[in-house]
PDB file of N, CA and C in Angstrom:
ATOM      1  N   MET A   1       0.610  -1.148   0.047  1.00  0.00           N
ATOM      2  CA  MET A   1       0.021   0.076   0.274  1.00  0.00           C
ATOM      3  C   MET A   1       0.954   1.209   0.114  1.00  0.00           C
ATOM      4  N   TYR A   2       0.185   2.375  -0.620  1.00  0.00           N
ATOM      5  CA  TYR A   2       1.168   3.443  -0.931  1.00  0.00           C
ATOM      6  C   TYR A   2       0.028   4.748  -0.230  1.00  0.00           C
ATOM      7  N   GLU A   3       1.166   5.647   0.327  1.00  0.00           N
ATOM      8  CA  GLU A   3       0.366   7.002   0.787  1.00  0.00           C
ATOM      9  C   GLU A   3       0.849   7.856  -0.287  1.00  0.00           C
ATOM     10  N   ASP A   4      -0.100   8.955  -0.876  1.00  0.00           N
ATOM     11  CA  ASP A   4       0.171   9.873  -1.534  1.00  0.00           C
ATOM     12  C   ASP A   4       0.318  11.251  -0.475  1.00  0.00           C
ATOM     13  N   VAL A   5       1.787  11.740  -0.351  1.00  0.00           N
ATOM     14  CA  VAL A   5       2.157  12.874   0.439  1.00  0.00           C
ATOM     15  C   VAL A   5       1.623  13.887  -0.165  1.00  0.00           C
ATOM     16  N   LEU A   6       1.268  14.030  -1.696  1.00  0.00           N
ATOM     17  CA  LEU A   6       0.968  15.621  -2.019  1.00  0.00           C
ATOM     18  C   LEU A   6      -0.570  15.913  -1.542  1.00  0.00           C
ATOM     19  N   TYR A   7      -1.329  15.112  -1.697  1.00  0.00           N
ATOM     20  CA  TYR A   7      -2.574  14.967  -1.357  1.00  0.00           C
ATOM     21  C   TYR A   7      -3.198  14.209  -0.527  1.00  0.00           C
ATOM     22  N   GLY A   8      -2.615  13.398  -0.172  1.00  0.00           N
ATOM     23  CA  GLY A   8      -3.190  12.337   1.272  1.00  0.00           C
ATOM     24  C   GLY A   8      -3.967  11.505   0.351  1.00  0.00           C
ATOM     25  N   GLY A   9      -4.423  10.438   0.910  1.00  0.00           N
ATOM     26  CA  GLY A   9      -4.871   9.061   0.488  1.00  0.00           C
ATOM     27  C   GLY A   9      -4.161   8.184   0.538  1.00  0.00           C
ATOM     28  N   PHE A  10      -4.618   6.821   0.454  1.00  0.00           N
ATOM     29  CA  PHE A  10      -3.966   5.593   0.513  1.00  0.00           C
ATOM     30  C   PHE A  10      -4.236   4.829  -1.001  1.00  0.00           C
ATOM     31  N   TYR A  11      -3.220   4.002  -1.702  1.00  0.00           N
ATOM     32  CA  TYR A  11      -3.738   3.728  -2.855  1.00  0.00           C
ATOM     33  C   TYR A  11      -2.522   2.146  -3.010  1.00  0.00           C
ATOM     34  N   THR A  12      -3.310   1.224  -3.813  1.00  0.00           N
ATOM     35  CA  THR A  12      -2.760  -0.035  -4.058  1.00  0.00           C
ATOM     36  C   THR A  12      -2.530  -0.135  -5.595  1.00  0.00           C
ATOM     37  N   VAL A  13      -1.117  -0.611  -5.735  1.00  0.00           N
ATOM     38  CA  VAL A  13      -0.876  -0.831  -7.214  1.00  0.00           C
ATOM     39  C   VAL A  13      -1.748  -1.826  -8.090  1.00  0.00           C
ATOM     40  N   THR A  14      -2.517  -1.393  -9.048  1.00  0.00           N
ATOM     41  CA  THR A  14      -3.551  -2.651  -9.547  1.00  0.00           C
ATOM     42  C   THR A  14      -2.617  -3.221 -10.961  1.00  0.00           C
ATOM     43  N   GLY A  15      -1.569  -2.294 -11.483  1.00  0.00           N
ATOM     44  CA  GLY A  15      -0.747  -2.607 -12.799  1.00  0.00           C
ATOM     45  C   GLY A  15       0.198  -1.587 -13.190  1.00  0.00           C
ATOM     46  N   LYS A  16       0.996  -2.076 -14.045  1.00  0.00           N
ATOM     47  CA  LYS A  16       1.932  -1.341 -14.453  1.00  0.00           C
ATOM     48  C   LYS A  16       2.455  -1.275 -16.001  1.00  0.00           C
ATOM     49  N   CYS A  17       2.618  -0.255 -16.820  1.00  0.00           N
ATOM     50  CA  CYS A  17       2.820  -0.465 -17.936  1.00  0.00           C
ATOM     51  C   CYS A  17       4.059   0.681 -18.398  1.00  0.00           C
ATOM     52  N   LYS A  18       4.514   0.897 -19.440  1.00  0.00           N
ATOM     53  CA  LYS A  18       6.060   1.615 -19.693  1.00  0.00           C
ATOM     54  C   LYS A  18       5.502   3.050 -18.930  1.00  0.00           C
ATOM     55  N   LYS A  19       4.454   3.932 -19.456  1.00  0.00           N
ATOM     56  CA  LYS A  19       4.776   5.159 -19.043  1.00  0.00           C
ATOM     57  C   LYS A  19       3.986   5.135 -17.663  1.00  0.00           C
ATOM     58  N   TYR A  20       3.204   4.442 -17.315  1.00  0.00           N
ATOM     59  CA  TYR A  20       1.781   4.824 -16.039  1.00  0.00           C
ATOM     60  C   TYR A  20       2.181   3.775 -15.584  1.00  0.00           C
ATOM     61  N   ILE A  21       1.714   3.878 -14.132  1.00  0.00           N
ATOM     62  CA  ILE A  21       1.328   3.097 -12.896  1.00  0.00           C
ATOM     63  C   ILE A  21      -0.305   3.125 -12.357  1.00  0.00           C
ATOM     64  N   HIS A  22      -0.848   2.267 -12.564  1.00  0.00           N
ATOM     65  CA  HIS A  22      -1.953   1.847 -12.363  1.00  0.00           C
ATOM     66  C   HIS A  22      -2.516   1.563 -10.879  1.00  0.00           C
ATOM     67  N   VAL A  23      -3.505   2.677 -10.161  1.00  0.00           N
ATOM     68  CA  VAL A  23      -3.695   2.565  -8.871  1.00  0.00           C
ATOM     69  C   VAL A  23      -5.064   2.698  -8.744  1.00  0.00           C
ATOM     70  N   ALA A  24      -5.643   2.092  -7.322  1.00  0.00           N
ATOM     71  CA  ALA A  24      -6.520   1.871  -6.795  1.00  0.00           C
ATOM     72  C   ALA A  24      -6.862   2.279  -5.124  1.00  0.00           C
ATOM     73  N   GLY A  25      -7.664   2.762  -5.030  1.00  0.00           N
ATOM     74  CA  GLY A  25      -7.874   3.361  -3.246  1.00  0.00           C
ATOM     75  C   GLY A  25      -8.743   4.459  -2.957  1.00  0.00           C
ATOM     76  N   THR A  26      -8.269   5.034  -1.984  1.00  0.00           N
ATOM     77  CA  THR A  26      -9.256   6.549  -1.471  1.00  0.00           C
ATOM     78  C   THR A  26      -8.401   7.417  -1.452  1.00  0.00           C
ATOM     79  N   ASP A  27      -8.830   8.744  -1.951  1.00  0.00           N
ATOM     80  CA  ASP A  27      -8.499   9.941  -1.502  1.00  0.00           C
ATOM     81  C   ASP A  27      -8.657  10.501  -0.329  1.00  0.00           C
ATOM     82  N   GLU A  28      -8.338  12.084  -0.140  1.00  0.00           N
ATOM     83  CA  GLU A  28      -8.323  12.210   1.188  1.00  0.00           C
ATOM     84  C   GLU A  28      -9.462  12.479   1.903  1.00  0.00           C
ATOM     85  N   LYS A  29     -10.603  12.397   0.886  1.00  0.00           N
ATOM     86  CA  LYS A  29     -11.946  12.684   1.409  1.00  0.00           C
ATOM     87  C   LYS A  29     -12.948  11.365   1.698  1.00  0.00           C
ATOM     88  N   ASP A  30     -11.778  10.049   1.563  1.00  0.00           N
ATOM     89  CA  ASP A  30     -12.719   8.768   1.477  1.00  0.00           C
ATOM     90  C   ASP A  30     -13.232   8.178   0.289  1.00  0.00           C
ATOM     91  N   ASN A  31     -12.904   9.114  -0.791  1.00  0.00           N
ATOM     92  CA  ASN A  31     -13.870   8.476  -1.893  1.00  0.00           C
ATOM     93  C   ASN A  31     -12.872   7.669  -2.705  1.00  0.00           C
ATOM     94  N   VAL A  32     -13.556   6.428  -3.048  1.00  0.00           N
ATOM     95  CA  VAL A  32     -12.859   5.433  -4.080  1.00  0.00           C
ATOM     96  C   VAL A  32     -12.645   6.032  -5.021  1.00  0.00           C
ATOM     97  N   VAL A  33     -10.947   5.860  -5.793  1.00  0.00           N
ATOM     98  CA  VAL A  33     -10.624   6.347  -6.532  1.00  0.00           C
ATOM     99  C   VAL A  33      -9.837   4.895  -7.463  1.00  0.00           C
ATOM    100  N   THR A  34      -9.750   5.409  -8.709  1.00  0.00           N
ATOM    101  CA  THR A  34      -9.013   4.203  -9.520  1.00  0.00           C
ATOM    102  C   THR A  34      -8.374   5.140 -10.709  1.00  0.00           C
ATOM    103  N   GLY A  35      -7.344   4.944 -11.098  1.00  0.00           N
ATOM    104  CA  GLY A  35      -6.963   5.511 -12.416  1.00  0.00           C
ATOM    105  C   GLY A  35      -5.215   5.322 -12.446  1.00  0.00           C
ATOM    106  N   ARG A  36      -4.536   6.103 -13.215  1.00  0.00           N
ATOM    107  CA  ARG A  36      -2.933   5.716 -13.534  1.00  0.00           C
ATOM    108  C   ARG A  36      -2.566   7.216 -13.280  1.00  0.00           C
ATOM    109  N   VAL A  37      -1.044   6.961 -12.640  1.00  0.00           N
ATOM    110  CA  VAL A  37      -0.236   8.000 -12.387  1.00  0.00           C
ATOM    111  C   VAL A  37       1.027   7.710 -13.413  1.00  0.00           C
ATOM    112  N   PRO A  38       1.592   8.813 -13.775  1.00  0.00           N
ATOM    113  CA  PRO A  38       2.864   8.522 -14.625  1.00  0.00           C
ATOM    114  C   PRO A  38       3.900   8.239 -13.554  1.00  0.00           C
ATOM    115  N   LYS A  39       5.076   7.471 -14.035  1.00  0.00           N
ATOM    116  CA  LYS A  39       5.924   6.757 -13.127  1.00  0.00           C
ATOM    117  C   LYS A  39       6.724   7.925 -12.326  1.00  0.00           C
ATOM    118  N   SER A  40       7.087   9.082 -13.066  1.00  0.00           N
ATOM    119  CA  SER A  40       7.730  10.023 -12.652  1.00  0.00           C
ATOM    120  C   SER A  40       7.218  10.744 -11.108  1.00  0.00           C
ATOM    121  N   GLU A  41       5.776  10.848 -11.274  1.00  0.00           N
ATOM    122  CA  GLU A  41       5.188  11.221 -10.254  1.00  0.00           C
ATOM    123  C   GLU A  41       5.076  10.404  -9.293  1.00  0.00           C
ATOM    124  N   PHE A  42       4.721   9.149  -9.582  1.00  0.00           N
ATOM    125  CA  PHE A  42       4.390   8.324  -8.559  1.00  0.00           C
ATOM    126  C   PHE A  42       5.431   8.137  -7.642  1.00  0.00           C
ATOM    127  N   TYR A  43       7.000   7.965  -8.229  1.00  0.00           N
ATOM    128  CA  TYR A  43       7.983   7.956  -7.650  1.00  0.00           C
ATOM    129  C   TYR A  43       8.160   9.148  -6.756  1.00  0.00           C
ATOM    130  N   LYS A  44       7.966  10.049  -7.465  1.00  0.00           N
ATOM    131  CA  LYS A  44       8.235  11.565  -6.593  1.00  0.00           C
ATOM    132  C   LYS A  44       7.586  11.579  -5.077  1.00  0.00           C
ATOM    133  N   TRP A  45       5.870  11.425  -5.425  1.00  0.00           N
ATOM    134  CA  TRP A  45       5.067  11.953  -4.212  1.00  0.00           C
ATOM    135  C   TRP A  45       4.269  10.344  -3.561  1.00  0.00           C
ATOM    136  N   TYR A  46       4.535   9.425  -3.794  1.00  0.00           N
ATOM    137  CA  TYR A  46       3.916   8.236  -3.009  1.00  0.00           C
ATOM    138  C   TYR A  46       5.278   7.554  -2.459  1.00  0.00           C
ATOM    139  N   ARG A  47       4.780   7.328  -1.200  1.00  0.00           N
ATOM    140  CA  ARG A  47       5.786   6.233  -0.490  1.00  0.00           C
ATOM    141  C   ARG A  47       5.160   5.162   0.257  1.00  0.00           C
ATOM    142  N   LYS A  48       5.522   3.991   0.528  1.00  0.00           N
ATOM    143  CA  LYS A  48       5.458   2.889   0.782  1.00  0.00           C
ATOM    144  C   LYS A  48       5.012   2.862   2.260  1.00  0.00           C
ATOM    145  N   VAL A  49       3.707   2.014   2.688  1.00  0.00           N
ATOM    146  CA  VAL A  49       3.598   2.285   4.071  1.00  0.00           C
ATOM    147  C   VAL A  49       3.186   0.723   4.351  1.00  0.00           C
ATOM    148  N   GLU A  50       3.173   0.608   5.911  1.00  0.00           N
ATOM    149  CA  GLU A  50       3.050  -1.104   5.982  1.00  0.00           C
ATOM    150  C   GLU A  50       1.627  -1.165   6.400  1.00  0.00           C
TER     151      GLU A  50
END
């Protein structure tokens, strides 16, 4: 599980491709979110949590 340190929220990686990492989880307002994040942004703003 990963935490978004920029906006808040917790996410799980559901897949990967060349340019994007696909994630699903909840945002800072507890809304369910799915989508894709560019790899450069993912490694910059997401950190692994236990």
